[in-house]
Amino acid sequence: MSKPQVTITYCIGCNWLLRAGWMAQELLQTFQEALGGVTLIPGEMGGVFEISVDGHLIWERKRDGGFPDVKELKSRVRDQIEPTRDLGHLDRASKGS
């Protein structure tokens, strides 16, 4: 069984490569053994920033109102690849709110 693949498409004109790279690093650190990889895709101009898991769009900057914080990003990826996984302090912080 192949592991899920995450793709992050970012706008090259907006210089969002560093943001995309940071998000990729966070996902790879958290989901080390669960992910098959994270691919960064330079996108066309126009402010594109999209994150997909196996082709399923989980974040789109224009639709979702900006960029995800790391907690939201990890939660959405978790919900796609391992819904029962506990994200530790990230999950506990949301339950106390």
PDB file of N, CA and C in Angstrom:
ATOM      1  N   MET A   1       0.841  -1.179   0.000  1.00  0.00           N
ATOM      2  CA  MET A   1       0.000   0.000   0.000  1.00  0.00           C
ATOM      3  C   MET A   1       0.890   1.249   0.000  1.00  0.00           C
ATOM      4  N   SER A   2       0.644   2.157  -0.926  1.00  0.00           N
ATOM      5  CA  SER A   2       1.470   3.355  -1.002  1.00  0.00           C
ATOM      6  C   SER A   2       1.032   4.386   0.026  1.00  0.00           C
ATOM      7  N   LYS A   3       1.977   5.188   0.451  1.00  0.00           N
ATOM      8  CA  LYS A   3       1.705   6.221   1.444  1.00  0.00           C
ATOM      9  C   LYS A   3       1.172   7.470   0.760  1.00  0.00           C
ATOM     10  N   PRO A   4       0.375   8.258   1.468  1.00  0.00           N
ATOM     11  CA  PRO A   4      -0.190   9.478   0.897  1.00  0.00           C
ATOM     12  C   PRO A   4       0.892  10.479   0.494  1.00  0.00           C
ATOM     13  N   GLN A   5       0.576  11.221  -0.563  1.00  0.00           N
ATOM     14  CA  GLN A   5       1.470  12.258  -1.076  1.00  0.00           C
ATOM     15  C   GLN A   5       0.814  13.618  -0.891  1.00  0.00           C
ATOM     16  N   VAL A   6       1.565  14.566  -0.377  1.00  0.00           N
ATOM     17  CA  VAL A   6       1.091  15.936  -0.219  1.00  0.00           C
ATOM     18  C   VAL A   6       1.742  16.782  -1.297  1.00  0.00           C
ATOM     19  N   THR A   7       0.971  17.668  -1.915  1.00  0.00           N
ATOM     20  CA  THR A   7       1.534  18.639  -2.850  1.00  0.00           C
ATOM     21  C   THR A   7       1.176  20.040  -2.370  1.00  0.00           C
ATOM     22  N   ILE A   8       2.149  20.921  -2.465  1.00  0.00           N
ATOM     23  CA  ILE A   8       1.948  22.324  -2.126  1.00  0.00           C
ATOM     24  C   ILE A   8       2.301  23.129  -3.364  1.00  0.00           C
ATOM     25  N   THR A   9       1.296  23.774  -3.938  1.00  0.00           N
ATOM     26  CA  THR A   9       1.492  24.620  -5.118  1.00  0.00           C
ATOM     27  C   THR A   9       1.509  26.069  -4.644  1.00  0.00           C
ATOM     28  N   TYR A  10       2.556  26.793  -5.001  1.00  0.00           N
ATOM     29  CA  TYR A  10       2.731  28.158  -4.514  1.00  0.00           C
ATOM     30  C   TYR A  10       3.009  29.115  -5.666  1.00  0.00           C
ATOM     31  N   CYS A  11       2.656  30.373  -5.478  1.00  0.00           N
ATOM     32  CA  CYS A  11       2.851  31.416  -6.483  1.00  0.00           C
ATOM     33  C   CYS A  11       4.319  31.839  -6.507  1.00  0.00           C
ATOM     34  N   ILE A  12       4.933  31.736  -7.691  1.00  0.00           N
ATOM     35  CA  ILE A  12       6.335  32.144  -7.800  1.00  0.00           C
ATOM     36  C   ILE A  12       6.475  33.663  -7.783  1.00  0.00           C
ATOM     37  N   GLY A  13       5.494  34.376  -8.293  1.00  0.00           N
ATOM     38  CA  GLY A  13       5.540  35.831  -8.309  1.00  0.00           C
ATOM     39  C   GLY A  13       5.400  36.449  -6.935  1.00  0.00           C
ATOM     40  N   CYS A  14       4.781  35.725  -6.027  1.00  0.00           N
ATOM     41  CA  CYS A  14       4.557  36.217  -4.657  1.00  0.00           C
ATOM     42  C   CYS A  14       5.702  35.828  -3.719  1.00  0.00           C
ATOM     43  N   ASN A  15       6.650  35.058  -4.237  1.00  0.00           N
ATOM     44  CA  ASN A  15       7.797  34.598  -3.444  1.00  0.00           C
ATOM     45  C   ASN A  15       7.372  33.774  -2.228  1.00  0.00           C
ATOM     46  N   TRP A  16       6.459  32.829  -2.442  1.00  0.00           N
ATOM     47  CA  TRP A  16       5.963  32.004  -1.349  1.00  0.00           C
ATOM     48  C   TRP A  16       6.678  30.665  -1.215  1.00  0.00           C
ATOM     49  N   LEU A  17       7.840  30.524  -1.865  1.00  0.00           N
ATOM     50  CA  LEU A  17       8.606  29.287  -1.762  1.00  0.00           C
ATOM     51  C   LEU A  17       9.009  28.993  -0.315  1.00  0.00           C
ATOM     52  N   LEU A  18       9.492  29.989   0.411  1.00  0.00           N
ATOM     53  CA  LEU A  18       9.925  29.747   1.791  1.00  0.00           C
ATOM     54  C   LEU A  18       8.768  29.302   2.672  1.00  0.00           C
ATOM     55  N   ARG A  19       7.610  29.908   2.487  1.00  0.00           N
ATOM     56  CA  ARG A  19       6.412  29.513   3.257  1.00  0.00           C
ATOM     57  C   ARG A  19       6.044  28.071   2.919  1.00  0.00           C
ATOM     58  N   ALA A  20       6.048  27.731   1.643  1.00  0.00           N
ATOM     59  CA  ALA A  20       5.714  26.367   1.222  1.00  0.00           C
ATOM     60  C   ALA A  20       6.725  25.367   1.777  1.00  0.00           C
ATOM     61  N   GLY A  21       7.999  25.740   1.743  1.00  0.00           N
ATOM     62  CA  GLY A  21       9.047  24.864   2.262  1.00  0.00           C
ATOM     63  C   GLY A  21       8.930  24.632   3.760  1.00  0.00           C
ATOM     64  N   TRP A  22       8.597  25.697   4.482  1.00  0.00           N
ATOM     65  CA  TRP A  22       8.413  25.576   5.929  1.00  0.00           C
ATOM     66  C   TRP A  22       7.243  24.641   6.243  1.00  0.00           C
ATOM     67  N   MET A  23       6.143  24.795   5.507  1.00  0.00           N
ATOM     68  CA  MET A  23       4.981  23.934   5.737  1.00  0.00           C
ATOM     69  C   MET A  23       5.318  22.478   5.406  1.00  0.00           C
ATOM     70  N   ALA A  24       6.072  22.268   4.337  1.00  0.00           N
ATOM     71  CA  ALA A  24       6.495  20.913   3.980  1.00  0.00           C
ATOM     72  C   ALA A  24       7.339  20.301   5.101  1.00  0.00           C
ATOM     73  N   GLN A  25       8.247  21.085   5.638  1.00  0.00           N
ATOM     74  CA  GLN A  25       9.102  20.622   6.739  1.00  0.00           C
ATOM     75  C   GLN A  25       8.269  20.241   7.961  1.00  0.00           C
ATOM     76  N   GLU A  26       7.303  21.062   8.309  1.00  0.00           N
ATOM     77  CA  GLU A  26       6.437  20.772   9.460  1.00  0.00           C
ATOM     78  C   GLU A  26       5.677  19.463   9.253  1.00  0.00           C
ATOM     79  N   LEU A  27       5.150  19.255   8.042  1.00  0.00           N
ATOM     80  CA  LEU A  27       4.403  18.024   7.765  1.00  0.00           C
ATOM     81  C   LEU A  27       5.310  16.795   7.805  1.00  0.00           C
ATOM     82  N   LEU A  28       6.492  16.914   7.213  1.00  0.00           N
ATOM     83  CA  LEU A  28       7.415  15.779   7.205  1.00  0.00           C
ATOM     84  C   LEU A  28       7.900  15.444   8.609  1.00  0.00           C
ATOM     85  N   GLN A  29       8.080  16.443   9.445  1.00  0.00           N
ATOM     86  CA  GLN A  29       8.500  16.194  10.825  1.00  0.00           C
ATOM     87  C   GLN A  29       7.397  15.502  11.620  1.00  0.00           C
ATOM     88  N   THR A  30       6.172  15.946  11.462  1.00  0.00           N
ATOM     89  CA  THR A  30       5.049  15.397  12.227  1.00  0.00           C
ATOM     90  C   THR A  30       4.626  14.023  11.729  1.00  0.00           C
ATOM     91  N   PHE A  31       4.560  13.856  10.415  1.00  0.00           N
ATOM     92  CA  PHE A  31       4.038  12.618   9.823  1.00  0.00           C
ATOM     93  C   PHE A  31       5.150  11.813   9.157  1.00  0.00           C
ATOM     94  N   GLN A  32       6.276  11.680   9.813  1.00  0.00           N
ATOM     95  CA  GLN A  32       7.475  11.069   9.247  1.00  0.00           C
ATOM     96  C   GLN A  32       7.232   9.733   8.561  1.00  0.00           C
ATOM     97  N   GLU A  33       6.557   8.841   9.234  1.00  0.00           N
ATOM     98  CA  GLU A  33       6.376   7.497   8.695  1.00  0.00           C
ATOM     99  C   GLU A  33       5.063   7.326   7.948  1.00  0.00           C
ATOM    100  N   ALA A  34       4.162   8.287   8.064  1.00  0.00           N
ATOM    101  CA  ALA A  34       2.839   8.157   7.458  1.00  0.00           C
ATOM    102  C   ALA A  34       2.763   8.728   6.044  1.00  0.00           C
ATOM    103  N   LEU A  35       3.670   9.650   5.708  1.00  0.00           N
ATOM    104  CA  LEU A  35       3.629  10.291   4.390  1.00  0.00           C
ATOM    105  C   LEU A  35       4.628   9.666   3.433  1.00  0.00           C
ATOM    106  N   GLY A  36       4.248   9.623   2.173  1.00  0.00           N
ATOM    107  CA  GLY A  36       5.155   9.166   1.134  1.00  0.00           C
ATOM    108  C   GLY A  36       6.042  10.287   0.632  1.00  0.00           C
ATOM    109  N   GLY A  37       5.657  11.520   0.907  1.00  0.00           N
ATOM    110  CA  GLY A  37       6.457  12.663   0.503  1.00  0.00           C
ATOM    111  C   GLY A  37       5.627  13.923   0.395  1.00  0.00           C
ATOM    112  N   VAL A  38       6.333  15.031   0.284  1.00  0.00           N
ATOM    113  CA  VAL A  38       5.718  16.335   0.062  1.00  0.00           C
ATOM    114  C   VAL A  38       6.415  16.942  -1.145  1.00  0.00           C
ATOM    115  N   THR A  39       5.623  17.338  -2.124  1.00  0.00           N
ATOM    116  CA  THR A  39       6.152  17.924  -3.349  1.00  0.00           C
ATOM    117  C   THR A  39       5.775  19.395  -3.417  1.00  0.00           C
ATOM    118  N   LEU A  40       6.768  20.225  -3.700  1.00  0.00           N
ATOM    119  CA  LEU A  40       6.528  21.654  -3.901  1.00  0.00           C
ATOM    120  C   LEU A  40       6.426  21.915  -5.392  1.00  0.00           C
ATOM    121  N   ILE A  41       5.362  22.604  -5.795  1.00  0.00           N
ATOM    122  CA  ILE A  41       5.115  22.867  -7.212  1.00  0.00           C
ATOM    123  C   ILE A  41       5.049  24.375  -7.438  1.00  0.00           C
ATOM    124  N   PRO A  42       6.003  24.929  -8.194  1.00  0.00           N
ATOM    125  CA  PRO A  42       5.932  26.360  -8.508  1.00  0.00           C
ATOM    126  C   PRO A  42       4.703  26.625  -9.371  1.00  0.00           C
ATOM    127  N   GLY A  43       3.842  27.518  -8.905  1.00  0.00           N
ATOM    128  CA  GLY A  43       2.614  27.821  -9.622  1.00  0.00           C
ATOM    129  C   GLY A  43       2.724  29.097 -10.428  1.00  0.00           C
ATOM    130  N   GLU A  44       1.741  29.295 -11.249  1.00  0.00           N
ATOM    131  CA  GLU A  44       1.661  30.509 -12.048  1.00  0.00           C
ATOM    132  C   GLU A  44       1.410  31.707 -11.147  1.00  0.00           C
ATOM    133  N   MET A  45       1.516  32.862 -11.730  1.00  0.00           N
ATOM    134  CA  MET A  45       1.240  34.097 -11.007  1.00  0.00           C
ATOM    135  C   MET A  45      -0.236  34.113 -10.596  1.00  0.00           C
ATOM    136  N   GLY A  46      -0.603  35.047  -9.756  1.00  0.00           N
ATOM    137  CA  GLY A  46      -2.002  35.180  -9.379  1.00  0.00           C
ATOM    138  C   GLY A  46      -2.295  34.791  -7.953  1.00  0.00           C
ATOM    139  N   GLY A  47      -1.275  34.558  -7.147  1.00  0.00           N
ATOM    140  CA  GLY A  47      -1.500  34.299  -5.739  1.00  0.00           C
ATOM    141  C   GLY A  47      -1.937  32.898  -5.381  1.00  0.00           C
ATOM    142  N   VAL A  48      -1.630  31.921  -6.227  1.00  0.00           N
ATOM    143  CA  VAL A  48      -2.029  30.551  -5.926  1.00  0.00           C
ATOM    144  C   VAL A  48      -1.250  30.020  -4.729  1.00  0.00           C
ATOM    145  N   PHE A  49      -1.951  29.362  -3.825  1.00  0.00           N
ATOM    146  CA  PHE A  49      -1.342  28.609  -2.726  1.00  0.00           C
ATOM    147  C   PHE A  49      -2.340  27.522  -2.358  1.00  0.00           C
ATOM    148  N   GLU A  50      -2.024  26.301  -2.775  1.00  0.00           N
ATOM    149  CA  GLU A  50      -2.929  25.164  -2.595  1.00  0.00           C
ATOM    150  C   GLU A  50      -2.182  23.993  -1.986  1.00  0.00           C
ATOM    151  N   ILE A  51      -2.858  23.296  -1.101  1.00  0.00           N
ATOM    152  CA  ILE A  51      -2.291  22.104  -0.485  1.00  0.00           C
ATOM    153  C   ILE A  51      -3.266  20.957  -0.727  1.00  0.00           C
ATOM    154  N   SER A  52      -2.736  19.863  -1.267  1.00  0.00           N
ATOM    155  CA  SER A  52      -3.554  18.687  -1.579  1.00  0.00           C
ATOM    156  C   SER A  52      -2.930  17.441  -0.973  1.00  0.00           C
ATOM    157  N   VAL A  53      -3.782  16.485  -0.637  1.00  0.00           N
ATOM    158  CA  VAL A  53      -3.340  15.166  -0.205  1.00  0.00           C
ATOM    159  C   VAL A  53      -3.915  14.175  -1.199  1.00  0.00           C
ATOM    160  N   ASP A  54      -3.039  13.499  -1.922  1.00  0.00           N
ATOM    161  CA  ASP A  54      -3.447  12.544  -2.958  1.00  0.00           C
ATOM    162  C   ASP A  54      -4.488  13.136  -3.908  1.00  0.00           C
ATOM    163  N   GLY A  55      -4.278  14.386  -4.294  1.00  0.00           N
ATOM    164  CA  GLY A  55      -5.169  15.043  -5.250  1.00  0.00           C
ATOM    165  C   GLY A  55      -6.407  15.679  -4.647  1.00  0.00           C
ATOM    166  N   HIS A  56      -6.636  15.482  -3.358  1.00  0.00           N
ATOM    167  CA  HIS A  56      -7.800  16.068  -2.678  1.00  0.00           C
ATOM    168  C   HIS A  56      -7.379  17.406  -2.077  1.00  0.00           C
ATOM    169  N   LEU A  57      -7.962  18.489  -2.552  1.00  0.00           N
ATOM    170  CA  LEU A  57      -7.624  19.829  -2.100  1.00  0.00           C
ATOM    171  C   LEU A  57      -8.078  20.032  -0.654  1.00  0.00           C
ATOM    172  N   ILE A  58      -7.109  20.296   0.240  1.00  0.00           N
ATOM    173  CA  ILE A  58      -7.459  20.513   1.648  1.00  0.00           C
ATOM    174  C   ILE A  58      -7.284  21.972   2.058  1.00  0.00           C
ATOM    175  N   TRP A  59      -6.557  22.758   1.261  1.00  0.00           N
ATOM    176  CA  TRP A  59      -6.416  24.191   1.558  1.00  0.00           C
ATOM    177  C   TRP A  59      -6.214  24.949   0.262  1.00  0.00           C
ATOM    178  N   GLU A  60      -6.943  26.035   0.122  1.00  0.00           N
ATOM    179  CA  GLU A  60      -6.788  26.926  -1.031  1.00  0.00           C
ATOM    180  C   GLU A  60      -6.841  28.347  -0.485  1.00  0.00           C
ATOM    181  N   ARG A  61      -5.780  29.096  -0.686  1.00  0.00           N
ATOM    182  CA  ARG A  61      -5.621  30.406  -0.062  1.00  0.00           C
ATOM    183  C   ARG A  61      -6.812  31.330  -0.280  1.00  0.00           C
ATOM    184  N   LYS A  62      -7.284  31.429  -1.493  1.00  0.00           N
ATOM    185  CA  LYS A  62      -8.401  32.342  -1.780  1.00  0.00           C
ATOM    186  C   LYS A  62      -9.710  31.839  -1.172  1.00  0.00           C
ATOM    187  N   ARG A  63      -9.970  30.560  -1.280  1.00  0.00           N
ATOM    188  CA  ARG A  63     -11.199  29.967  -0.737  1.00  0.00           C
ATOM    189  C   ARG A  63     -11.223  30.000   0.787  1.00  0.00           C
ATOM    190  N   ASP A  64     -10.069  29.671   1.391  1.00  0.00           N
ATOM    191  CA  ASP A  64     -10.009  29.503   2.837  1.00  0.00           C
ATOM    192  C   ASP A  64      -9.541  30.754   3.583  1.00  0.00           C
ATOM    193  N   GLY A  65      -9.295  31.839   2.868  1.00  0.00           N
ATOM    194  CA  GLY A  65      -8.979  33.106   3.518  1.00  0.00           C
ATOM    195  C   GLY A  65      -7.566  33.242   4.046  1.00  0.00           C
ATOM    196  N   GLY A  66      -6.595  33.030   3.201  1.00  0.00           N
ATOM    197  CA  GLY A  66      -5.204  33.215   3.619  1.00  0.00           C
ATOM    198  C   GLY A  66      -4.459  31.909   3.700  1.00  0.00           C
ATOM    199  N   PHE A  67      -3.538  31.866   4.641  1.00  0.00           N
ATOM    200  CA  PHE A  67      -2.693  30.688   4.815  1.00  0.00           C
ATOM    201  C   PHE A  67      -3.080  29.970   6.100  1.00  0.00           C
ATOM    202  N   PRO A  68      -2.934  28.644   6.112  1.00  0.00           N
ATOM    203  CA  PRO A  68      -3.257  27.929   7.351  1.00  0.00           C
ATOM    204  C   PRO A  68      -2.156  28.140   8.384  1.00  0.00           C
ATOM    205  N   ASP A  69      -2.539  28.202   9.661  1.00  0.00           N
ATOM    206  CA  ASP A  69      -1.498  28.138  10.677  1.00  0.00           C
ATOM    207  C   ASP A  69      -1.094  26.668  10.783  1.00  0.00           C
ATOM    208  N   VAL A  70      -0.004  26.403  11.450  1.00  0.00           N
ATOM    209  CA  VAL A  70       0.531  25.044  11.471  1.00  0.00           C
ATOM    210  C   VAL A  70      -0.443  24.062  12.125  1.00  0.00           C
ATOM    211  N   LYS A  71      -1.179  24.509  13.130  1.00  0.00           N
ATOM    212  CA  LYS A  71      -2.151  23.637  13.794  1.00  0.00           C
ATOM    213  C   LYS A  71      -3.247  23.209  12.822  1.00  0.00           C
ATOM    214  N   GLU A  72      -3.798  24.170  12.081  1.00  0.00           N
ATOM    215  CA  GLU A  72      -4.858  23.870  11.113  1.00  0.00           C
ATOM    216  C   GLU A  72      -4.340  22.967   9.998  1.00  0.00           C
ATOM    217  N   LEU A  73      -3.144  23.248   9.508  1.00  0.00           N
ATOM    218  CA  LEU A  73      -2.553  22.440   8.440  1.00  0.00           C
ATOM    219  C   LEU A  73      -2.386  20.992   8.882  1.00  0.00           C
ATOM    220  N   LYS A  74      -1.787  20.798  10.030  1.00  0.00           N
ATOM    221  CA  LYS A  74      -1.557  19.436  10.509  1.00  0.00           C
ATOM    222  C   LYS A  74      -2.870  18.711  10.788  1.00  0.00           C
ATOM    223  N   SER A  75      -3.853  19.423  11.302  1.00  0.00           N
ATOM    224  CA  SER A  75      -5.157  18.805  11.558  1.00  0.00           C
ATOM    225  C   SER A  75      -5.821  18.349  10.268  1.00  0.00           C
ATOM    226  N   ARG A  76      -5.752  19.195   9.239  1.00  0.00           N
ATOM    227  CA  ARG A  76      -6.395  18.817   7.963  1.00  0.00           C
ATOM    228  C   ARG A  76      -5.674  17.643   7.294  1.00  0.00           C
ATOM    229  N   VAL A  77      -4.352  17.636   7.369  1.00  0.00           N
ATOM    230  CA  VAL A  77      -3.608  16.503   6.801  1.00  0.00           C
ATOM    231  C   VAL A  77      -3.917  15.244   7.601  1.00  0.00           C
ATOM    232  N   ARG A  78      -3.893  15.345   8.913  1.00  0.00           N
ATOM    233  CA  ARG A  78      -4.215  14.196   9.767  1.00  0.00           C
ATOM    234  C   ARG A  78      -5.592  13.638   9.435  1.00  0.00           C
ATOM    235  N   ASP A  79      -6.575  14.523   9.274  1.00  0.00           N
ATOM    236  CA  ASP A  79      -7.940  14.091   8.981  1.00  0.00           C
ATOM    237  C   ASP A  79      -8.023  13.303   7.680  1.00  0.00           C
ATOM    238  N   GLN A  80      -7.106  13.562   6.760  1.00  0.00           N
ATOM    239  CA  GLN A  80      -7.086  12.835   5.480  1.00  0.00           C
ATOM    240  C   GLN A  80      -6.335  11.515   5.566  1.00  0.00           C
ATOM    241  N   ILE A  81      -5.217  11.496   6.305  1.00  0.00           N
ATOM    242  CA  ILE A  81      -4.364  10.310   6.249  1.00  0.00           C
ATOM    243  C   ILE A  81      -4.484   9.384   7.453  1.00  0.00           C
ATOM    244  N   GLU A  82      -4.781   9.925   8.635  1.00  0.00           N
ATOM    245  CA  GLU A  82      -4.889   9.133   9.858  1.00  0.00           C
ATOM    246  C   GLU A  82      -5.894   9.792  10.807  1.00  0.00           C
ATOM    247  N   PRO A  83      -7.184   9.699  10.520  1.00  0.00           N
ATOM    248  CA  PRO A  83      -8.187  10.431  11.298  1.00  0.00           C
ATOM    249  C   PRO A  83      -8.182  10.159  12.802  1.00  0.00           C
ATOM    250  N   THR A  84      -7.721   9.004  13.226  1.00  0.00           N
ATOM    251  CA  THR A  84      -7.735   8.685  14.652  1.00  0.00           C
ATOM    252  C   THR A  84      -6.442   9.080  15.363  1.00  0.00           C
ATOM    253  N   ARG A  85      -5.489   9.576  14.624  1.00  0.00           N
ATOM    254  CA  ARG A  85      -4.191   9.944  15.210  1.00  0.00           C
ATOM    255  C   ARG A  85      -4.332  11.138  16.155  1.00  0.00           C
ATOM    256  N   ASP A  86      -3.665  11.042  17.297  1.00  0.00           N
ATOM    257  CA  ASP A  86      -3.624  12.134  18.268  1.00  0.00           C
ATOM    258  C   ASP A  86      -2.425  13.014  17.920  1.00  0.00           C
ATOM    259  N   LEU A  87      -2.669  14.305  17.778  1.00  0.00           N
ATOM    260  CA  LEU A  87      -1.589  15.244  17.481  1.00  0.00           C
ATOM    261  C   LEU A  87      -0.996  15.856  18.751  1.00  0.00           C
ATOM    262  N   GLY A  88      -1.189  15.198  19.852  1.00  0.00           N
ATOM    263  CA  GLY A  88      -0.578  15.630  21.098  1.00  0.00           C
ATOM    264  C   GLY A  88      -1.057  16.998  21.544  1.00  0.00           C
ATOM    265  N   HIS A  89      -0.109  17.883  21.810  1.00  0.00           N
ATOM    266  CA  HIS A  89      -0.452  19.203  22.359  1.00  0.00           C
ATOM    267  C   HIS A  89      -1.334  20.023  21.414  1.00  0.00           C
ATOM    268  N   LEU A  90      -1.249  19.784  20.107  1.00  0.00           N
ATOM    269  CA  LEU A  90      -2.113  20.513  19.173  1.00  0.00           C
ATOM    270  C   LEU A  90      -3.578  20.171  19.385  1.00  0.00           C
ATOM    271  N   ASP A  91      -3.872  18.909  19.636  1.00  0.00           N
ATOM    272  CA  ASP A  91      -5.245  18.490  19.894  1.00  0.00           C
ATOM    273  C   ASP A  91      -5.706  18.928  21.285  1.00  0.00           C
ATOM    274  N   ARG A  92      -4.862  18.806  22.259  1.00  0.00           N
ATOM    275  CA  ARG A  92      -5.228  19.169  23.628  1.00  0.00           C
ATOM    276  C   ARG A  92      -5.520  20.664  23.745  1.00  0.00           C
ATOM    277  N   ALA A  93      -4.775  21.487  23.027  1.00  0.00           N
ATOM    278  CA  ALA A  93      -4.989  22.933  23.087  1.00  0.00           C
ATOM    279  C   ALA A  93      -6.369  23.303  22.547  1.00  0.00           C
ATOM    280  N   SER A  94      -6.826  22.609  21.498  1.00  0.00           N
ATOM    281  CA  SER A  94      -8.123  22.928  20.917  1.00  0.00           C
ATOM    282  C   SER A  94      -9.285  22.449  21.796  1.00  0.00           C
ATOM    283  N   LYS A  95      -9.073  21.394  22.554  1.00  0.00           N
ATOM    284  CA  LYS A  95     -10.129  20.881  23.421  1.00  0.00           C
ATOM    285  C   LYS A  95     -10.347  21.790  24.629  1.00  0.00           C
ATOM    286  N   GLY A  96      -9.301  22.513  25.018  1.00  0.00           N
ATOM    287  CA  GLY A  96      -9.405  23.395  26.163  1.00  0.00           C
ATOM    288  C   GLY A  96      -9.971  24.745  25.815  1.00  0.00           C
ATOM    289  N   SER A  97     -10.120  25.053  24.537  1.00  0.00           N
ATOM    290  CA  SER A  97     -10.612  26.366  24.103  1.00  0.00           C
ATOM    291  C   SER A  97     -12.104  26.463  24.206  1.00  0.00           C
TER     292      SER A  97
END
